[in-house]
PDB file of N, CA and C in Angstrom:
ATOM      1  N   MET A   1      32.459 -37.690-144.716  1.00  0.00           N
ATOM      2  CA  MET A   1      31.961 -38.960-145.180  1.00  0.00           C
ATOM      3  C   MET A   1      30.763 -39.694-144.773  1.00  0.00           C
ATOM      4  N   LEU A   2      30.272 -39.672-143.504  1.00  0.00           N
ATOM      5  CA  LEU A   2      28.983 -39.784-143.341  1.00  0.00           C
ATOM      6  C   LEU A   2      27.686 -39.298-143.883  1.00  0.00           C
ATOM      7  N   SER A   3      28.147 -37.869-143.961  1.00  0.00           N
ATOM      8  CA  SER A   3      26.812 -36.996-144.379  1.00  0.00           C
ATOM      9  C   SER A   3      26.833 -37.447-145.940  1.00  0.00           C
ATOM     10  N   THR A   4      27.703 -37.654-146.613  1.00  0.00           N
ATOM     11  CA  THR A   4      27.769 -37.972-148.160  1.00  0.00           C
ATOM     12  C   THR A   4      26.911 -39.489-148.312  1.00  0.00           C
ATOM     13  N   VAL A   5      27.130 -40.081-147.289  1.00  0.00           N
ATOM     14  CA  VAL A   5      26.365 -41.502-147.513  1.00  0.00           C
ATOM     15  C   VAL A   5      24.620 -41.070-147.176  1.00  0.00           C
ATOM     16  N   ILE A   6      24.421 -40.570-146.113  1.00  0.00           N
ATOM     17  CA  ILE A   6      23.162 -39.886-145.659  1.00  0.00           C
ATOM     18  C   ILE A   6      22.696 -39.055-146.715  1.00  0.00           C
ATOM     19  N   THR A   7      23.153 -38.492-147.595  1.00  0.00           N
ATOM     20  CA  THR A   7      22.376 -37.783-148.806  1.00  0.00           C
ATOM     21  C   THR A   7      22.300 -38.617-149.662  1.00  0.00           C
ATOM     22  N   LEU A   8      23.389 -39.431-150.018  1.00  0.00           N
ATOM     23  CA  LEU A   8      22.931 -40.459-151.579  1.00  0.00           C
ATOM     24  C   LEU A   8      21.845 -41.346-150.990  1.00  0.00           C
ATOM     25  N   ALA A   9      21.694 -41.782-149.412  1.00  0.00           N
ATOM     26  CA  ALA A   9      20.679 -42.636-149.546  1.00  0.00           C
ATOM     27  C   ALA A   9      19.536 -41.956-149.317  1.00  0.00           C
ATOM     28  N   ALA A  10      19.293 -40.533-149.221  1.00  0.00           N
ATOM     29  CA  ALA A  10      17.814 -40.129-149.063  1.00  0.00           C
ATOM     30  C   ALA A  10      17.776 -39.641-150.226  1.00  0.00           C
ATOM     31  N   GLU A  11      18.560 -39.378-151.430  1.00  0.00           N
ATOM     32  CA  GLU A  11      18.609 -39.515-153.130  1.00  0.00           C
ATOM     33  C   GLU A  11      17.787 -40.461-153.465  1.00  0.00           C
ATOM     34  N   THR A  12      17.869 -41.761-153.271  1.00  0.00           N
ATOM     35  CA  THR A  12      17.937 -43.276-153.712  1.00  0.00           C
ATOM     36  C   THR A  12      16.327 -43.240-153.211  1.00  0.00           C
ATOM     37  N   ALA A  13      16.341 -42.864-151.800  1.00  0.00           N
ATOM     38  CA  ALA A  13      14.951 -43.270-151.515  1.00  0.00           C
ATOM     39  C   ALA A  13      13.963 -42.418-151.652  1.00  0.00           C
ATOM     40  N   GLU A  14      13.807 -41.545-152.633  1.00  0.00           N
ATOM     41  CA  GLU A  14      12.682 -40.387-153.239  1.00  0.00           C
ATOM     42  C   GLU A  14      12.012 -40.970-154.307  1.00  0.00           C
ATOM     43  N   HIS A  15      13.069 -42.140-155.155  1.00  0.00           N
ATOM     44  CA  HIS A  15      12.471 -42.828-156.016  1.00  0.00           C
ATOM     45  C   HIS A  15      11.217 -43.549-155.836  1.00  0.00           C
ATOM     46  N   GLY A  16      10.175 -43.355-156.941  1.00  0.00           N
ATOM     47  CA  GLY A  16       8.976 -44.100-156.243  1.00  0.00           C
ATOM     48  C   GLY A  16       8.623 -45.328-156.716  1.00  0.00           C
ATOM     49  N   GLU A  17       9.727 -45.487-157.891  1.00  0.00           N
ATOM     50  CA  GLU A  17       9.450 -47.154-158.572  1.00  0.00           C
ATOM     51  C   GLU A  17      10.415 -48.070-158.056  1.00  0.00           C
ATOM     52  N   PRO A  18      10.132 -49.242-157.426  1.00  0.00           N
ATOM     53  CA  PRO A  18      11.244 -50.193-156.755  1.00  0.00           C
ATOM     54  C   PRO A  18      11.656 -50.856-158.025  1.00  0.00           C
ATOM     55  N   ALA A  19      13.131 -51.291-157.761  1.00  0.00           N
ATOM     56  CA  ALA A  19      13.918 -52.033-158.895  1.00  0.00           C
ATOM     57  C   ALA A  19      12.941 -53.338-159.144  1.00  0.00           C
ATOM     58  N   ILE A  20      12.733 -54.302-158.205  1.00  0.00           N
ATOM     59  CA  ILE A  20      11.768 -55.354-158.623  1.00  0.00           C
ATOM     60  C   ILE A  20      10.104 -55.024-157.628  1.00  0.00           C
ATOM     61  N   HIS A  21       9.450 -55.542-158.486  1.00  0.00           N
ATOM     62  CA  HIS A  21       7.964 -55.270-157.924  1.00  0.00           C
ATOM     63  C   HIS A  21       7.976 -56.412-156.825  1.00  0.00           C
ATOM     64  N   PRO A  22       7.223 -55.938-155.610  1.00  0.00           N
ATOM     65  CA  PRO A  22       7.176 -56.462-154.611  1.00  0.00           C
ATOM     66  C   PRO A  22       6.217 -57.784-154.805  1.00  0.00           C
ATOM     67  N   TYR A  23       5.254 -57.938-155.675  1.00  0.00           N
ATOM     68  CA  TYR A  23       4.684 -58.943-156.019  1.00  0.00           C
ATOM     69  C   TYR A  23       5.460 -60.129-156.762  1.00  0.00           C
ATOM     70  N   ALA A  24       6.462 -59.907-157.344  1.00  0.00           N
ATOM     71  CA  ALA A  24       7.218 -60.813-157.992  1.00  0.00           C
ATOM     72  C   ALA A  24       8.140 -61.180-157.191  1.00  0.00           C
ATOM     73  N   VAL A  25       8.997 -60.962-155.853  1.00  0.00           N
ATOM     74  CA  VAL A  25       9.464 -60.786-154.908  1.00  0.00           C
ATOM     75  C   VAL A  25       8.776 -61.958-154.352  1.00  0.00           C
ATOM     76  N   GLY A  26       7.661 -61.732-153.779  1.00  0.00           N
ATOM     77  CA  GLY A  26       6.644 -62.532-153.327  1.00  0.00           C
ATOM     78  C   GLY A  26       6.228 -63.957-153.840  1.00  0.00           C
ATOM     79  N   GLY A  27       6.519 -63.811-154.889  1.00  0.00           N
ATOM     80  CA  GLY A  27       5.657 -64.973-156.135  1.00  0.00           C
ATOM     81  C   GLY A  27       6.887 -65.961-156.137  1.00  0.00           C
ATOM     82  N   ILE A  28       8.116 -65.377-156.070  1.00  0.00           N
ATOM     83  CA  ILE A  28       9.311 -66.040-156.588  1.00  0.00           C
ATOM     84  C   ILE A  28       9.477 -66.775-154.892  1.00  0.00           C
ATOM     85  N   ALA A  29       9.483 -66.204-154.043  1.00  0.00           N
ATOM     86  CA  ALA A  29       9.611 -66.747-152.405  1.00  0.00           C
ATOM     87  C   ALA A  29       8.557 -68.048-152.520  1.00  0.00           C
ATOM     88  N   LEU A  30       7.427 -67.675-152.933  1.00  0.00           N
ATOM     89  CA  LEU A  30       6.440 -68.793-152.633  1.00  0.00           C
ATOM     90  C   LEU A  30       6.575 -70.058-153.690  1.00  0.00           C
ATOM     91  N   ALA A  31       7.118 -69.636-154.555  1.00  0.00           N
ATOM     92  CA  ALA A  31       7.525 -71.162-155.755  1.00  0.00           C
ATOM     93  C   ALA A  31       8.203 -71.459-155.261  1.00  0.00           C
ATOM     94  N   LEU A  32       9.537 -70.933-154.817  1.00  0.00           N
ATOM     95  CA  LEU A  32      10.425 -71.893-154.234  1.00  0.00           C
ATOM     96  C   LEU A  32      10.363 -72.597-152.961  1.00  0.00           C
ATOM     97  N   LEU A  33       9.316 -71.807-151.884  1.00  0.00           N
ATOM     98  CA  LEU A  33       8.953 -72.786-150.969  1.00  0.00           C
ATOM     99  C   LEU A  33       7.854 -73.807-151.254  1.00  0.00           C
ATOM    100  N   LEU A  34       7.062 -73.656-152.148  1.00  0.00           N
ATOM    101  CA  LEU A  34       5.971 -74.658-152.811  1.00  0.00           C
ATOM    102  C   LEU A  34       7.216 -75.891-153.390  1.00  0.00           C
ATOM    103  N   VAL A  35       8.214 -75.602-154.354  1.00  0.00           N
ATOM    104  CA  VAL A  35       8.969 -76.703-154.568  1.00  0.00           C
ATOM    105  C   VAL A  35      10.023 -77.272-153.421  1.00  0.00           C
ATOM    106  N   LEU A  36      10.557 -76.520-152.880  1.00  0.00           N
ATOM    107  CA  LEU A  36      10.816 -77.191-151.514  1.00  0.00           C
ATOM    108  C   LEU A  36       9.851 -78.320-150.528  1.00  0.00           C
ATOM    109  N   LEU A  37       8.813 -77.469-150.689  1.00  0.00           N
ATOM    110  CA  LEU A  37       7.825 -78.587-149.815  1.00  0.00           C
ATOM    111  C   LEU A  37       7.687 -79.860-150.471  1.00  0.00           C
ATOM    112  N   LEU A  38       7.278 -79.805-151.914  1.00  0.00           N
ATOM    113  CA  LEU A  38       7.020 -81.023-152.691  1.00  0.00           C
ATOM    114  C   LEU A  38       8.255 -81.948-152.614  1.00  0.00           C
ATOM    115  N   ALA A  39       9.462 -81.291-152.608  1.00  0.00           N
ATOM    116  CA  ALA A  39      10.376 -82.046-152.561  1.00  0.00           C
ATOM    117  C   ALA A  39      10.696 -82.766-151.142  1.00  0.00           C
ATOM    118  N   VAL A  40      10.400 -82.357-150.151  1.00  0.00           N
ATOM    119  CA  VAL A  40      10.233 -83.007-148.978  1.00  0.00           C
ATOM    120  C   VAL A  40       9.028 -84.203-148.821  1.00  0.00           C
ATOM    121  N   ILE A  41       7.891 -83.615-149.358  1.00  0.00           N
ATOM    122  CA  ILE A  41       7.039 -84.731-149.467  1.00  0.00           C
ATOM    123  C   ILE A  41       7.282 -85.972-150.221  1.00  0.00           C
ATOM    124  N   SER A  42       8.019 -85.746-151.633  1.00  0.00           N
ATOM    125  CA  SER A  42       8.452 -86.434-152.454  1.00  0.00           C
ATOM    126  C   SER A  42       9.460 -87.570-151.677  1.00  0.00           C
ATOM    127  N   PHE A  43      10.525 -86.991-150.980  1.00  0.00           N
ATOM    128  CA  PHE A  43      11.576 -87.647-150.458  1.00  0.00           C
ATOM    129  C   PHE A  43      10.989 -88.605-149.094  1.00  0.00           C
ATOM    130  N   GLY A  44       9.965 -88.181-148.169  1.00  0.00           N
ATOM    131  CA  GLY A  44       9.760 -89.106-147.446  1.00  0.00           C
ATOM    132  C   GLY A  44       8.445 -89.627-147.597  1.00  0.00           C
ATOM    133  N   GLY A  45       8.098 -89.734-148.960  1.00  0.00           N
ATOM    134  CA  GLY A  45       6.651 -90.473-149.209  1.00  0.00           C
ATOM    135  C   GLY A  45       7.106 -92.004-149.202  1.00  0.00           C
ATOM    136  N   GLY A  46       8.288 -92.286-149.584  1.00  0.00           N
ATOM    137  CA  GLY A  46       8.131 -94.083-149.661  1.00  0.00           C
ATOM    138  C   GLY A  46       8.487 -94.601-148.424  1.00  0.00           C
ATOM    139  N   ARG A  47       8.602 -93.976-147.452  1.00  0.00           N
ATOM    140  CA  ARG A  47       9.552 -94.297-146.148  1.00  0.00           C
ATOM    141  C   ARG A  47       8.399 -94.974-144.923  1.00  0.00           C
ATOM    142  N   GLU A  48       8.732 -95.956-144.434  1.00  0.00           N
ATOM    143  CA  GLU A  48       8.147 -96.382-143.262  1.00  0.00           C
ATOM    144  C   GLU A  48       8.346 -95.724-142.278  1.00  0.00           C
ATOM    145  N   HIS A  49       6.936 -95.360-141.073  1.00  0.00           N
ATOM    146  CA  HIS A  49       6.931 -94.678-139.904  1.00  0.00           C
ATOM    147  C   HIS A  49       7.940 -95.725-139.036  1.00  0.00           C
ATOM    148  N   SER A  50       8.670 -94.966-137.857  1.00  0.00           N
ATOM    149  CA  SER A  50       9.357 -95.710-137.343  1.00  0.00           C
ATOM    150  C   SER A  50       9.005 -95.582-135.895  1.00  0.00           C
TER     151      SER A  50
END
C-alpha cells in the first residue's frame, strides 16, 4: 500500500509544468492581502484615537 503511494507520488513529481503558475498564486495572494489592507484602513479611518 505504501509503496503504491510512493510510486504514484514519484510519477506525479516528474511532470515539469505546475497546474497553476507560481506567479499567479503570488499575484492572487498579493491582491487578497491588499484588499484586506484597504478594508482595514477604510474601516478605521473615521474613528477617533482613544
